[in-house]
Each structure stands twice: as C-alpha cells, then as structure tokens.
Amino acid sequence: MSDHEYEEQLAGSFGVDTFSKDFDYGVEEPDTEETLSSSTDSKPRILLMGLRRSGKSSIQKVVFHKMSPNETLFLESTNKIYKDDISGSSFVNFQIWDFPGQVDFFDPTFDYEMIFRGTGALIFVIDAQDDYVEALGRLHLTVTRAYRVNPNINFEVFVHKVDGLSDDHKIETQRDIHQRANDDLADASLEKLHLSFYLTSIYDHSIFEAFSKVVQKLISQLPTLENLLNIFISNSGIEKAFLFDVVSKIYIATDSSPVDMQSYELCCDMIDVVIDVSCIYGLKEDGTGSAYDKDSLAIIKLNNTTVLYLKEVTKFLSLVCILREESFEKKGLIDYNFHCFRKAIHEVFEVASVARKGLLSMQPSSPCTTVKSTALNGTPRVLV
C-alpha cells in the first residue's frame, strides 16, 4: 500500500482533516486537496501526540493560526486526526499531524510504520498540572515503537501548561519527567534514543521558543543561516539578531550568542505591532494588499537606549535585531550590510529551491548548503 493510499484509508477511518488559516498576511497558501496530497511525500512531517486534554490542538491553533489562548478554552476535544499543511516560508515547510489522545494508532489494522517513516519530529505533550504517570507510559510506548521504525526522528517532549506552576515546581516537574522517561529508556536498552524537554505554555512565548527549536532541527540550511547572521552582526555592531517566520513568529535561525527569553519576547511583540499597524494603515481602501511586503521596515527605540530594528528579508521572513542607540547612529553601514545579508539569504533560497526540484545533487551527509556570496565587508566569500 502506498503512503497516499494509506492516508486515504486514515481519512476514511478517523476522518483526517485540515485546519483552515484563521488569518492571512497576504501569503498565498495551497488550499486544494490535490495540492495538499501531492506535497505529502515531499514535506517532513511533525506528529503531535499525547493524552486527551493535554493541549495539543491548543498549541497548534495558537502557534500557526493566531488564535488567542483564551479562545482555546472553547475548542472541542480532538476526535480525529488533523493534518495541517504549514507553508510559512521556504524553510518552515512541513505537515503537522495532530493525533487524538483516545485513538490507538498502534492498532494492527493500521500501518504505523508508514506514519513514522515519513516523520521528521515527534512532539509528545504532557500536561504538567495532571498526574503524568499514564502519560509517561504512553510516551515510552510511542517513542520506542517510532525509534525502531525510524531512528532519525527528533523526539521532543513538551512539559505543557506550566503557567499555573511556581518556578520551583516547574523545574522539579521537568526534572522528574526527564528522569523517569530516561530511566524507562535505559531499562529497555535504548540509551541512544535522545529526548529533548521543553517547559511550555500557550499563555507566554515559551511555546513559540520551543517550536522554534523543533523546526530548526528540520532545516538543513541552519548552519549557513547562522553563519550569515554572525557575519552580519559582527560587522554592524548589533547585539542580537533573529530570522523570523512572520506568520508563526517562529525564529528559524539566530546568531551564535545565547538566546535571552526577554529579548525574544521583545522581538515577537515587535512583529505583532508591525503587522497590527500595517493591517490598519498599510492596506488599501478596498482591503486589498498585504500587511507585510518588501517595503516593510520598523524601528522602535526603547527608554533604556535599546533599539529594535525590523526589516523584510523575503515575503515570509523578517530580520529583527537588537542593538544599542549609539550603534544605530551608523545606520548607513547597517543598511548596506543588510543588503548583502538579504542577497545571500535569497541565494540560499535559490539553491534550496533547485535542490528540491531535483536539478541539483547535494551530498546527503552535508549539514548545510554551500553558498557563494559577497561578504558584508565587500570581499567575495564562500559560506559553508
């Protein structure tokens, strides 16, 4: 049975469906069944799994469909597998399958090997405010079965709904879940199976930060993007830079300096401000146009001499930087370096696009794309 035939069987058995976009920033998304099914084999798959009421659907709605966290309180419990095609940018390009907690997808009548064989990441959501003994048992069963089918899956554990816990309780809960889960793997002689743990909540930016980390593992060009950002900030006097997917507020890359949560939250809030203002004042009288385009640019000066700088990189991506006010006095240099950075990013897109079409053979073991570009100081450079 082919993958496509099996998906049709799933659709008939459980009612596989797709979420609709709740808000559109002018980005054209594939909306036909033919387009969705034809892209199934070519896009990595992220599975959202966990027990009932653990918060899987709420996470998906908040991150990718701009739903308010308070609105998720009225979501009905998932009773069928939802397939969501995400095409926020050339790099954020995957499918999310949301599995209902009550469905036994290990039933022998279903080919679970097909599901795991095409999976890039498996996210297991655990409700931190509930008794998680049963969830740990389901986590162990899920990851061990998936690992035997596809050892290359990235296994991610979201310790979710931590907004109602104190800081000490959060850390203790994560430590306990981490210890128990890894002890179960050690007992099964699966020490090589690595689990990544994140404390998440839909009521703050932690869920976006966690999803950013998950998505970055699926981007083969990540080292190239990080290298470009490092060159850009070192030549521009910038303290921190993020390359954001505008629609989801996932950052697909940042420079090599540590990520400060407060800085990340500032950048996320800036994107919200830019989009909200553009929706009010940037669209035409008839409502046409896009809230985000090649002319999108924003500068916000905070009262602590910090400057936030946002500029469009592609129709899907924006560069958001944090720098000191004295560094921003050299805006001409920053704009020139940004022009070189933007050109290099477009070259990465071109190479990736050609590779996807099968016109460029790439080394399977290569972790990134080699791009010939102009360095930010004007000297020809090859970025690896």
Protein backbone atom coordinates (compact mmCIF):
# COMPACT_ATOMS: atom_id res chain seq x y z
CA MET A 1 0.00 0.00 0.00
CA SER A 2 1.43 3.41 -0.94
CA ASP A 3 1.68 6.30 1.52
CA HIS A 4 -1.04 8.22 -0.32
CA GLU A 5 -3.39 5.22 -0.31
CA TYR A 6 -2.80 4.76 3.40
CA GLU A 7 -3.60 8.41 4.09
CA GLU A 8 -6.89 7.96 2.23
CA GLN A 9 -7.61 4.93 4.44
CA LEU A 10 -6.88 7.03 7.52
CA ALA A 11 -9.19 9.71 6.20
CA GLY A 12 -11.97 7.18 5.84
CA SER A 13 -11.38 5.58 9.23
CA PHE A 14 -10.64 8.52 11.52
CA GLY A 15 -11.63 11.48 9.39
CA VAL A 16 -8.30 13.12 8.59
CA ASP A 17 -9.00 16.82 8.13
CA THR A 18 -7.10 20.06 7.74
CA PHE A 19 -7.18 23.25 9.75
CA SER A 20 -8.05 26.39 7.84
CA LYS A 21 -5.99 29.55 8.18
CA ASP A 22 -7.67 31.94 10.59
CA PHE A 23 -5.72 34.95 9.37
CA ASP A 24 -3.88 35.71 6.17
CA TYR A 25 -0.98 38.15 5.88
CA GLY A 26 -1.14 38.09 2.10
CA VAL A 27 0.85 34.82 1.84
CA GLU A 28 -0.69 32.50 -0.68
CA GLU A 29 -1.21 29.04 0.73
CA PRO A 30 -2.13 25.84 -1.16
CA ASP A 31 -5.79 25.24 -0.47
CA THR A 32 -6.80 22.37 -2.72
CA GLU A 33 -6.83 18.70 -1.78
CA GLU A 34 -4.76 17.94 -4.85
CA THR A 35 -2.04 20.34 -3.77
CA LEU A 36 -2.02 19.02 -0.23
CA SER A 37 -1.86 15.37 -1.22
CA SER A 38 0.79 15.96 -3.87
CA SER A 39 3.04 17.62 -1.30
CA THR A 40 2.66 14.90 1.30
CA ASP A 41 5.66 12.85 0.26
CA SER A 42 8.00 15.82 -0.19
CA LYS A 43 7.49 17.59 3.14
CA PRO A 44 8.77 16.48 6.54
CA ARG A 45 6.07 15.53 8.99
CA ILE A 46 5.70 16.63 12.61
CA LEU A 47 3.48 14.48 14.81
CA LEU A 48 1.66 15.98 17.81
CA MET A 49 0.85 13.24 20.29
CA GLY A 50 -0.23 12.95 23.91
CA LEU A 51 -3.15 12.05 26.12
CA ARG A 52 -6.56 13.69 25.84
CA ARG A 53 -6.81 17.30 27.01
CA SER A 54 -3.03 17.65 27.17
CA GLY A 55 -3.20 20.77 24.96
CA LYS A 56 -2.08 19.53 21.53
CA SER A 57 -4.74 21.28 19.45
CA SER A 58 -4.42 24.48 21.50
CA ILE A 59 -0.70 24.58 20.75
CA GLN A 60 -1.29 24.20 17.04
CA LYS A 61 -4.02 26.83 16.94
CA VAL A 62 -2.05 29.40 18.92
CA VAL A 63 1.27 28.97 17.09
CA PHE A 64 0.11 28.55 13.50
CA HIS A 65 -3.38 30.05 13.37
CA LYS A 66 -3.10 33.17 15.56
CA MET A 67 -5.83 32.03 17.94
CA SER A 68 -5.95 33.79 21.29
CA PRO A 69 -5.00 31.47 24.18
CA ASN A 70 -8.30 32.28 25.90
CA GLU A 71 -10.23 31.15 22.82
CA THR A 72 -8.68 27.68 23.03
CA LEU A 73 -10.77 27.05 26.14
CA PHE A 74 -13.74 26.52 23.82
CA LEU A 75 -12.01 24.02 21.50
CA GLU A 76 -13.67 20.63 21.41
CA SER A 77 -11.60 17.58 22.20
CA THR A 78 -9.92 16.18 19.07
CA ASN A 79 -11.69 13.04 17.87
CA LYS A 80 -9.98 12.59 14.52
CA ILE A 81 -6.51 13.02 13.04
CA TYR A 82 -5.99 16.54 11.75
CA LYS A 83 -3.43 17.11 9.02
CA ASP A 84 -2.22 20.70 8.75
CA ASP A 85 -0.05 21.79 5.84
CA ILE A 86 2.34 24.51 7.01
CA SER A 87 3.99 26.61 4.31
CA GLY A 88 5.03 29.73 6.18
CA SER A 89 8.32 30.05 4.32
CA SER A 90 10.71 28.05 2.17
CA PHE A 91 12.30 26.74 5.36
CA VAL A 92 9.21 26.38 7.56
CA ASN A 93 7.71 23.88 5.19
CA PHE A 94 6.15 20.79 6.75
CA GLN A 95 2.97 19.00 7.77
CA ILE A 96 1.63 18.66 11.32
CA TRP A 97 -0.48 15.64 12.20
CA ASP A 98 -2.49 16.10 15.40
CA PHE A 99 -3.41 12.71 16.88
CA PRO A 100 -6.37 12.42 19.27
CA GLY A 101 -5.36 11.01 22.61
CA GLN A 102 -8.04 8.31 22.67
CA VAL A 103 -7.11 6.75 19.32
CA ASP A 104 -4.91 3.67 19.47
CA PHE A 105 -2.79 4.27 16.39
CA PHE A 106 -0.87 1.05 17.17
CA ASP A 107 -3.91 -0.96 16.16
CA PRO A 108 -2.63 -3.77 13.86
CA THR A 109 -5.07 -2.72 11.13
CA PHE A 110 -3.07 0.49 10.60
CA ASP A 111 0.35 0.80 9.09
CA TYR A 112 2.10 2.82 11.80
CA GLU A 113 5.42 2.18 10.03
CA MET A 114 4.29 4.49 7.23
CA ILE A 115 3.49 7.24 9.74
CA PHE A 116 6.88 7.12 11.46
CA ARG A 117 8.86 6.52 8.28
CA GLY A 118 7.89 9.93 6.92
CA THR A 119 8.25 11.79 10.23
CA GLY A 120 10.89 14.42 10.94
CA ALA A 121 9.91 15.20 14.53
CA LEU A 122 7.58 13.69 17.11
CA ILE A 123 6.28 16.07 19.78
CA PHE A 124 4.74 14.40 22.82
CA VAL A 125 2.74 16.78 25.02
CA ILE A 126 2.46 16.10 28.76
CA ASP A 127 0.09 18.06 30.98
CA ALA A 128 2.29 19.22 33.88
CA GLN A 129 -0.75 20.04 36.03
CA ASP A 130 -2.11 16.49 35.83
CA ASP A 131 -0.90 13.12 37.09
CA TYR A 132 1.58 12.26 34.35
CA VAL A 133 2.19 8.58 35.19
CA GLU A 134 -0.09 7.39 32.37
CA ALA A 135 1.39 9.97 30.01
CA LEU A 136 4.92 8.67 30.70
CA GLY A 137 3.76 5.15 29.88
CA ARG A 138 2.27 6.30 26.57
CA LEU A 139 5.40 8.36 25.85
CA HIS A 140 7.62 5.32 26.29
CA LEU A 141 5.40 3.14 24.10
CA THR A 142 5.26 5.81 21.40
CA VAL A 143 8.93 6.72 21.14
CA THR A 144 10.22 3.14 21.35
CA ARG A 145 7.91 2.00 18.57
CA ALA A 146 8.77 5.03 16.44
CA TYR A 147 12.53 4.68 17.07
CA ARG A 148 12.55 1.11 15.80
CA VAL A 149 10.89 2.25 12.57
CA ASN A 150 12.85 5.49 12.08
CA PRO A 151 15.82 6.20 14.40
CA ASN A 152 16.34 9.58 12.70
CA ILE A 153 13.18 11.11 14.22
CA ASN A 154 13.75 14.05 16.57
CA PHE A 155 11.88 13.22 19.79
CA GLU A 156 10.60 16.30 21.63
CA VAL A 157 8.69 16.39 24.93
CA PHE A 158 6.63 19.46 25.78
CA VAL A 159 6.02 19.66 29.54
CA HIS A 160 2.94 21.77 28.98
CA LYS A 161 0.58 24.04 30.95
CA VAL A 162 3.35 25.19 33.28
CA ASP A 163 1.80 28.68 33.55
CA GLY A 164 -0.06 27.55 36.67
CA LEU A 165 3.08 26.31 38.45
CA SER A 166 5.66 28.15 40.50
CA ASP A 167 9.21 28.40 39.14
CA ASP A 168 10.48 25.79 41.61
CA HIS A 169 7.59 23.45 40.78
CA LYS A 170 8.26 23.84 37.05
CA ILE A 171 11.90 22.82 37.43
CA GLU A 172 11.07 19.94 39.74
CA THR A 173 8.35 18.63 37.39
CA GLN A 174 10.65 18.79 34.38
CA ARG A 175 13.43 17.04 36.30
CA ASP A 176 11.08 14.27 37.46
CA ILE A 177 9.64 13.67 33.98
CA HIS A 178 13.13 13.76 32.45
CA GLN A 179 14.45 11.24 34.99
CA ARG A 180 11.53 8.81 34.70
CA ALA A 181 11.41 8.91 30.90
CA ASN A 182 15.14 8.26 30.54
CA ASP A 183 15.08 5.52 33.18
CA ASP A 184 12.38 3.75 31.16
CA LEU A 185 14.54 4.01 28.04
CA ALA A 186 17.58 2.69 29.91
CA ASP A 187 15.56 -0.31 31.15
CA ALA A 188 14.65 -1.01 27.51
CA SER A 189 18.33 -0.70 26.46
CA LEU A 190 17.56 2.37 24.36
CA GLU A 191 20.13 4.78 25.79
CA LYS A 192 20.87 6.08 22.27
CA LEU A 193 17.31 7.40 21.95
CA HIS A 194 17.53 11.09 22.86
CA LEU A 195 14.59 13.06 24.24
CA SER A 196 14.57 16.87 24.32
CA PHE A 197 12.44 18.52 27.01
CA TYR A 198 10.81 21.97 27.00
CA LEU A 199 8.66 23.83 29.53
CA THR A 200 5.79 25.33 27.55
CA SER A 201 2.62 27.36 27.90
CA ILE A 202 0.32 28.99 25.36
CA TYR A 203 -0.03 32.00 27.67
CA ASP A 204 3.54 33.21 27.09
CA HIS A 205 6.24 32.98 24.45
CA SER A 206 7.64 29.66 25.69
CA ILE A 207 5.58 27.66 23.18
CA PHE A 208 6.98 29.71 20.28
CA GLU A 209 10.51 29.30 21.61
CA ALA A 210 10.05 25.52 21.90
CA PHE A 211 8.57 25.17 18.42
CA SER A 212 11.43 27.27 17.05
CA LYS A 213 13.91 24.75 18.44
CA VAL A 214 11.95 21.86 16.94
CA VAL A 215 11.65 23.43 13.50
CA GLN A 216 15.33 24.42 13.38
CA LYS A 217 16.31 20.75 13.59
CA LEU A 218 14.42 20.17 10.32
CA ILE A 219 16.22 22.96 8.43
CA SER A 220 19.28 21.59 6.65
CA GLN A 221 20.47 25.12 5.83
CA LEU A 222 20.59 26.15 9.52
CA PRO A 223 24.44 26.34 9.80
CA THR A 224 24.54 28.59 6.73
CA LEU A 225 21.88 30.90 8.13
CA GLU A 226 23.63 31.12 11.49
CA ASN A 227 26.91 31.89 9.76
CA LEU A 228 25.30 34.70 7.77
CA LEU A 229 23.78 36.18 10.93
CA ASN A 230 27.12 36.01 12.76
CA ILE A 231 28.85 37.86 9.92
CA PHE A 232 26.08 40.45 9.78
CA ILE A 233 26.03 41.35 13.48
CA SER A 234 29.82 41.35 13.84
CA ASN A 235 30.14 43.90 11.04
CA SER A 236 27.18 46.03 12.11
CA GLY A 237 27.58 46.50 15.87
CA ILE A 238 24.40 44.54 16.58
CA GLU A 239 23.97 42.61 19.82
CA LYS A 240 21.38 40.02 18.76
CA ALA A 241 19.57 39.09 15.54
CA PHE A 242 16.72 36.71 14.75
CA LEU A 243 15.44 35.49 11.40
CA PHE A 244 11.70 35.18 11.96
CA ASP A 245 8.92 33.46 10.07
CA VAL A 246 6.46 36.36 10.22
CA VAL A 247 3.24 34.33 10.23
CA SER A 248 4.06 31.97 13.10
CA LYS A 249 6.68 34.08 14.97
CA ILE A 250 8.95 31.05 14.94
CA TYR A 251 12.57 32.07 14.55
CA ILE A 252 14.23 29.75 12.09
CA ALA A 253 17.74 30.95 12.92
CA THR A 254 19.66 33.26 15.22
CA ASP A 255 23.32 34.12 15.72
CA SER A 256 25.58 32.00 17.93
CA SER A 257 25.16 34.12 21.08
CA PRO A 258 22.77 32.72 23.74
CA VAL A 259 19.07 33.46 23.37
CA ASP A 260 17.68 35.62 26.16
CA MET A 261 13.97 34.98 26.65
CA GLN A 262 13.23 38.63 27.32
CA SER A 263 14.93 39.67 24.06
CA TYR A 264 13.00 37.04 22.14
CA GLU A 265 9.72 38.27 23.64
CA LEU A 266 10.56 41.86 22.63
CA CYS A 267 11.16 40.76 19.04
CA CYS A 268 7.91 38.76 18.96
CA ASP A 269 5.98 41.74 20.29
CA MET A 270 7.57 43.97 17.66
CA ILE A 271 6.33 41.70 14.87
CA ASP A 272 2.82 41.86 16.34
CA VAL A 273 2.97 45.66 16.46
CA VAL A 274 4.22 45.95 12.87
CA ILE A 275 1.56 43.60 11.50
CA ASP A 276 -1.26 45.19 13.51
CA VAL A 277 -0.32 48.72 12.43
CA SER A 278 0.13 47.62 8.81
CA CYS A 279 -3.29 45.97 8.81
CA ILE A 280 -4.83 49.27 9.92
CA TYR A 281 -2.85 51.76 7.85
CA GLY A 282 -0.99 49.75 5.23
CA LEU A 283 -3.84 48.16 3.29
CA LYS A 284 -5.76 49.86 0.51
CA GLU A 285 -9.24 51.29 0.98
CA ASP A 286 -10.82 48.20 -0.56
CA GLY A 287 -8.90 45.98 1.85
CA THR A 288 -6.53 44.59 -0.77
CA GLY A 289 -2.79 44.44 -0.45
CA SER A 290 -0.52 42.81 2.10
CA ALA A 291 0.29 43.74 5.68
CA TYR A 292 3.85 42.58 5.08
CA ASP A 293 5.82 43.22 1.87
CA LYS A 294 9.24 44.26 0.53
CA ASP A 295 8.84 47.77 1.95
CA SER A 296 8.15 46.62 5.50
CA LEU A 297 10.51 48.35 7.92
CA ALA A 298 10.20 49.32 11.59
CA ILE A 299 12.42 50.99 14.17
CA ILE A 300 11.46 51.10 17.86
CA LYS A 301 13.58 52.97 20.39
CA LEU A 302 13.11 51.87 23.99
CA ASN A 303 13.71 54.06 27.03
CA ASN A 304 16.84 52.10 28.03
CA THR A 305 18.87 53.18 24.92
CA THR A 306 17.99 49.90 23.18
CA VAL A 307 16.82 49.93 19.56
CA LEU A 308 14.71 47.25 17.86
CA TYR A 309 15.16 47.07 14.10
CA LEU A 310 12.92 45.03 11.77
CA LYS A 311 13.27 44.68 8.03
CA GLU A 312 11.80 42.41 5.34
CA VAL A 313 14.13 39.69 4.03
CA THR A 314 11.71 37.66 1.92
CA LYS A 315 7.93 37.63 1.58
CA PHE A 316 7.89 35.19 4.51
CA LEU A 317 10.89 36.16 6.62
CA SER A 318 11.96 39.23 8.57
CA LEU A 319 15.20 40.13 10.29
CA VAL A 320 14.69 41.52 13.80
CA CYS A 321 17.75 42.98 15.53
CA ILE A 322 18.56 44.34 18.97
CA LEU A 323 21.27 46.99 19.25
CA ARG A 324 22.38 49.99 21.27
CA GLU A 325 21.36 53.50 20.29
CA GLU A 326 24.98 54.57 19.69
CA SER A 327 25.46 51.65 17.27
CA PHE A 328 22.33 52.66 15.38
CA GLU A 329 23.98 56.00 14.53
CA LYS A 330 25.81 54.04 11.83
CA LYS A 331 22.52 53.21 10.13
CA GLY A 332 24.03 53.58 6.67
CA LEU A 333 26.54 50.81 7.40
CA ILE A 334 23.80 48.62 8.86
CA ASP A 335 21.60 49.13 5.78
CA TYR A 336 24.47 48.26 3.44
CA ASN A 337 25.33 45.13 5.41
CA PHE A 338 21.67 44.19 5.46
CA HIS A 339 21.57 44.48 1.65
CA CYS A 340 24.45 41.99 1.42
CA PHE A 341 22.80 39.72 4.01
CA ARG A 342 19.48 39.80 2.19
CA LYS A 343 21.14 38.93 -1.11
CA ALA A 344 22.89 35.95 0.48
CA ILE A 345 19.62 34.70 2.01
CA HIS A 346 17.96 34.81 -1.41
CA GLU A 347 20.83 32.76 -2.80
CA VAL A 348 20.22 30.15 -0.09
CA PHE A 349 16.57 30.06 -1.13
CA GLU A 350 17.51 29.64 -4.79
CA VAL A 351 19.85 26.74 -4.06
CA ALA A 352 17.27 25.08 -1.81
CA SER A 353 14.57 25.53 -4.44
CA VAL A 354 16.71 23.98 -7.17
CA ALA A 355 17.65 21.11 -4.89
CA ARG A 356 14.01 20.37 -4.12
CA LYS A 357 13.25 20.17 -7.81
CA GLY A 358 15.92 17.54 -8.25
CA LEU A 359 18.07 19.70 -10.54
CA LEU A 360 20.95 19.93 -8.06
CA SER A 361 22.54 16.89 -6.45
CA MET A 362 23.52 17.51 -2.83
CA GLN A 363 25.66 15.43 -0.52
CA PRO A 364 23.34 13.55 1.87
CA SER A 365 25.80 13.92 4.72
CA SER A 366 26.25 17.66 4.24
CA PRO A 367 24.55 19.56 7.08
CA CYS A 368 24.13 22.74 5.10
CA THR A 369 24.16 24.37 1.70
CA THR A 370 27.30 25.97 0.28
CA VAL A 371 26.52 29.44 -0.96
CA LYS A 372 28.84 31.75 -2.85
CA SER A 373 28.13 35.23 -1.61
CA THR A 374 29.57 38.67 -1.07
CA ALA A 375 30.73 39.22 2.48
CA LEU A 376 29.47 42.15 4.46
CA ASN A 377 32.80 43.91 4.07
CA GLY A 378 32.61 43.65 0.27
CA THR A 379 35.06 40.75 -0.09
CA PRO A 380 33.97 37.62 -2.00
CA ARG A 381 33.38 34.79 0.43
CA VAL A 382 32.12 31.22 0.39
CA LEU A 383 29.86 30.46 3.32
CA VAL A 384 29.77 26.83 4.43
